[in-house]
C-alpha cells in the first residue's frame, strides 16, 4: 500500500496540471516543491514557503533546474498568492534538520483557516494536509486540524481524512475541497 506522502502525491497528480498555481506551504528539503513544479510545468507557478533558511537552501539546490518556483522565507500563515489550485502542507519538522523546530498548531490553523476563507476566489482550490501526530507538537497540531476541519459546513465543503487505522500515531492526510453546485 502507499505511504501517506505517496497517496498525497497521487491525489494531487489528478488535479494539478500544466499551467496551474501551487503552494508548497512547508518546502522542507524540496521534494514536494519539485513534484509540484513538474506537474505545473513551464506555464505554471509554484510558491514555496518555509521558516528555515536551511530548508529554502535545500529546496533551491534540489530544484535548481526549475524556473517556475518562487521561494518565501516566512511562515505559511502569510500565504498571499491568489488563484491557487493546490496547497500542500507536509507538516512536522525538517528531515535531517533540527527536530526542535516544527510546524506549530496555531500558525498552521491560522493558515488553513485563511485559505478556507478564500475558496470563493477559487472554488476549485484543493488543500492537502499531511499530519504527523507522532511527536508532541504534531499531535496537538493534528488534533486541532481534525477538530477544525470536522466543523466545516458539510453543505459547502468536502473534507476527507485518510488515516492508517492499525498504526498508532501514523502520518495521515486531510483534504479540503469546496463542494460544487450540481449542473442542472
Protein backbone atom coordinates (compact mmCIF):
# COMPACT_ATOMS: atom_id res chain seq x y z
CA UNK A 1 0.00 0.00 0.00
CA UNK A 2 1.04 3.59 -0.48
CA UNK A 3 2.66 5.68 2.23
CA UNK A 4 0.72 8.80 3.17
CA UNK A 5 3.02 11.09 1.17
CA UNK A 6 2.76 8.81 -1.87
CA UNK A 7 -1.02 8.81 -1.64
CA UNK A 8 -0.97 12.59 -1.35
CA UNK A 9 1.15 12.90 -4.50
CA UNK A 10 -1.16 10.50 -6.35
CA UNK A 11 -4.22 12.55 -5.43
CA UNK A 12 -2.52 15.84 -6.31
CA UNK A 13 -1.46 14.47 -9.71
CA UNK A 14 -5.15 14.06 -10.58
CA UNK A 15 -5.99 17.73 -10.03
CA UNK A 16 -2.78 19.72 -10.63
CA UNK A 17 -1.97 20.19 -14.31
CA UNK A 18 0.24 22.21 -16.64
CA UNK A 19 -0.32 25.94 -16.12
CA UNK A 20 -1.76 25.66 -12.62
CA UNK A 21 -0.64 27.51 -9.48
CA UNK A 22 0.52 25.51 -6.46
CA UNK A 23 1.77 26.39 -3.00
CA UNK A 24 4.13 24.22 -1.02
CA UNK A 25 3.34 25.57 2.43
CA UNK A 26 6.29 23.76 4.03
CA UNK A 27 9.02 23.23 1.44
CA UNK A 28 11.40 21.32 3.73
CA UNK A 29 14.05 19.62 1.62
CA UNK A 30 12.24 20.39 -1.63
CA UNK A 31 10.84 17.03 -2.68
CA UNK A 32 7.23 18.23 -2.67
CA UNK A 33 8.29 21.51 -4.29
CA UNK A 34 9.99 19.63 -7.11
CA UNK A 35 6.97 17.34 -7.53
CA UNK A 36 4.60 20.33 -7.78
CA UNK A 37 6.98 22.12 -10.16
CA UNK A 38 6.99 19.19 -12.58
CA UNK A 39 3.19 18.99 -12.55
CA UNK A 40 2.57 22.69 -13.27
CA UNK A 41 5.25 22.77 -15.96
CA UNK A 42 6.77 25.81 -17.62
CA UNK A 43 3.48 27.68 -17.79
CA UNK A 44 2.58 27.14 -14.14
CA UNK A 45 3.94 28.54 -10.89
CA UNK A 46 4.91 27.14 -7.51
CA UNK A 47 5.27 29.26 -4.38
CA UNK A 48 7.33 27.54 -1.68
CA UNK A 49 7.27 28.65 1.97
CA UNK A 50 9.42 27.71 4.93
CA UNK A 51 10.65 29.45 8.09
CA UNK A 52 14.09 27.84 7.99
CA UNK A 53 16.80 29.21 5.75
CA UNK A 54 18.34 25.72 5.52
CA UNK A 55 15.05 24.38 4.14
CA UNK A 56 14.95 27.10 1.48
CA UNK A 57 18.59 26.40 0.59
CA UNK A 58 18.00 22.63 0.39
CA UNK A 59 14.91 23.15 -1.76
CA UNK A 60 16.65 25.58 -4.10
CA UNK A 61 19.51 23.10 -4.56
CA UNK A 62 17.12 20.26 -5.39
CA UNK A 63 15.02 22.38 -7.77
CA UNK A 64 17.86 24.35 -9.40
CA UNK A 65 16.73 23.30 -12.90
CA UNK A 66 13.16 24.56 -12.35
CA UNK A 67 12.24 28.08 -13.49
CA UNK A 68 8.74 28.16 -12.08
CA UNK A 69 9.34 28.40 -8.32
CA UNK A 70 9.29 31.45 -6.06
CA UNK A 71 10.63 30.89 -2.54
CA UNK A 72 9.45 32.72 0.59
CA UNK A 73 11.43 32.59 3.82
CA UNK A 74 8.39 33.03 6.02
CA UNK A 75 5.59 31.12 7.68
CA UNK A 76 2.76 29.60 5.69
CA UNK A 77 0.35 31.74 7.67
CA UNK A 78 1.42 34.58 5.33
CA UNK A 79 0.46 32.94 2.03
CA UNK A 80 -0.69 35.82 -0.19
CA UNK A 81 -0.98 34.29 -3.66
CA UNK A 82 -4.35 34.25 -5.39
CA UNK A 83 -5.98 31.83 -7.81
CA UNK A 84 -4.26 28.89 -6.15
CA UNK A 85 -5.16 25.46 -7.48
CA UNK A 86 -3.38 23.28 -4.90
CA UNK A 87 -1.90 23.93 -1.47
CA UNK A 88 0.21 21.21 0.12
CA UNK A 89 1.13 21.18 3.78
CA UNK A 90 3.61 18.46 4.75
CA UNK A 91 3.79 19.26 8.43
CA UNK A 92 6.23 18.36 11.18
CA UNK A 93 9.96 19.03 11.22
CA UNK A 94 12.67 19.27 8.59
CA UNK A 95 14.01 15.76 7.91
CA UNK A 96 17.70 15.62 8.87
CA UNK A 97 17.27 19.05 10.46
CA UNK A 98 16.70 20.47 13.93
CA UNK A 99 13.76 18.43 15.26
CA UNK A 100 13.04 21.07 17.89
CA UNK A 101 11.80 23.35 15.09
CA UNK A 102 8.38 22.10 13.99
CA UNK A 103 5.27 23.44 12.40
CA UNK A 104 3.01 24.79 15.12
CA UNK A 105 -0.66 24.29 15.82
CA UNK A 106 -1.55 28.00 15.93
CA UNK A 107 0.23 29.14 12.76
CA UNK A 108 -0.91 26.09 10.79
CA UNK A 109 -4.51 26.55 11.90
CA UNK A 110 -4.35 30.25 11.01
CA UNK A 111 -3.00 29.39 7.57
CA UNK A 112 -5.62 26.72 6.85
CA UNK A 113 -8.45 28.98 8.06
CA UNK A 114 -7.19 31.83 5.84
CA UNK A 115 -7.07 29.53 2.83
CA UNK A 116 -10.54 28.11 3.50
CA UNK A 117 -11.91 31.66 3.67
CA UNK A 118 -10.52 32.20 0.15
CA UNK A 119 -12.41 29.38 -1.57
CA UNK A 120 -14.74 31.98 -3.07
CA UNK A 121 -11.89 33.46 -5.14
CA UNK A 122 -11.04 30.00 -6.46
CA UNK A 123 -13.73 27.40 -5.75
CA UNK A 124 -11.61 24.72 -7.47
CA UNK A 125 -8.73 25.02 -4.98
CA UNK A 126 -7.65 21.81 -3.24
CA UNK A 127 -5.94 21.77 0.15
CA UNK A 128 -3.86 18.75 1.16
CA UNK A 129 -2.51 18.47 4.72
CA UNK A 130 -0.15 15.68 5.76
CA UNK A 131 -0.19 15.48 9.57
CA UNK A 132 2.37 13.84 11.84
CA UNK A 133 0.85 13.09 15.27
CA UNK A 134 3.89 11.04 16.39
CA UNK A 135 5.60 13.94 18.21
CA UNK A 136 4.09 16.22 20.87
CA UNK A 137 3.55 19.38 18.77
CA UNK A 138 2.47 17.27 15.80
CA UNK A 139 -0.14 15.56 17.96
CA UNK A 140 -1.56 18.91 19.12
CA UNK A 141 -1.49 20.24 15.56
CA UNK A 142 -3.20 17.12 14.17
CA UNK A 143 -5.94 17.20 16.79
CA UNK A 144 -6.60 20.91 16.16
CA UNK A 145 -6.77 20.37 12.41
CA UNK A 146 -9.15 17.43 12.78
CA UNK A 147 -11.39 19.43 15.09
CA UNK A 148 -11.41 22.45 12.77
CA UNK A 149 -11.98 20.52 9.55
CA UNK A 150 -14.80 18.47 11.11
CA UNK A 151 -16.52 21.78 11.94
CA UNK A 152 -16.59 22.99 8.32
CA UNK A 153 -20.08 23.26 6.86
CA UNK A 154 -20.78 19.96 5.10
CA UNK A 155 -23.08 21.72 2.64
CA UNK A 156 -20.17 23.89 1.43
CA UNK A 157 -17.07 21.72 1.91
CA UNK A 158 -15.95 18.17 1.40
CA UNK A 159 -13.34 17.14 3.95
CA UNK A 160 -11.75 13.72 3.72
CA UNK A 161 -9.30 12.08 6.06
CA UNK A 162 -7.06 9.13 5.19
CA UNK A 163 -5.78 7.55 8.40
CA UNK A 164 -3.92 4.24 8.71
CA UNK A 165 -6.20 2.74 11.37
CA UNK A 166 -3.94 -0.08 12.55
CA UNK A 167 -0.89 2.09 13.28
CA UNK A 168 -0.59 4.27 16.33
CA UNK A 169 0.20 7.94 15.60
CA UNK A 170 0.92 7.26 11.92
CA UNK A 171 1.04 10.18 9.47
CA UNK A 172 -2.33 10.87 7.88
CA UNK A 173 -3.87 13.08 5.22
CA UNK A 174 -6.67 15.64 5.38
CA UNK A 175 -8.09 17.09 2.15
CA UNK A 176 -10.39 20.09 1.86
CA UNK A 177 -12.39 20.99 -1.24
CA UNK A 178 -15.32 23.26 -1.85
CA UNK A 179 -18.44 21.37 -2.93
CA UNK A 180 -19.53 22.26 -6.42
CA UNK A 181 -23.13 23.04 -7.22
CA UNK A 182 -24.63 20.39 -9.46
CA UNK A 183 -25.11 21.39 -13.08
CA UNK A 184 -28.79 21.41 -13.94
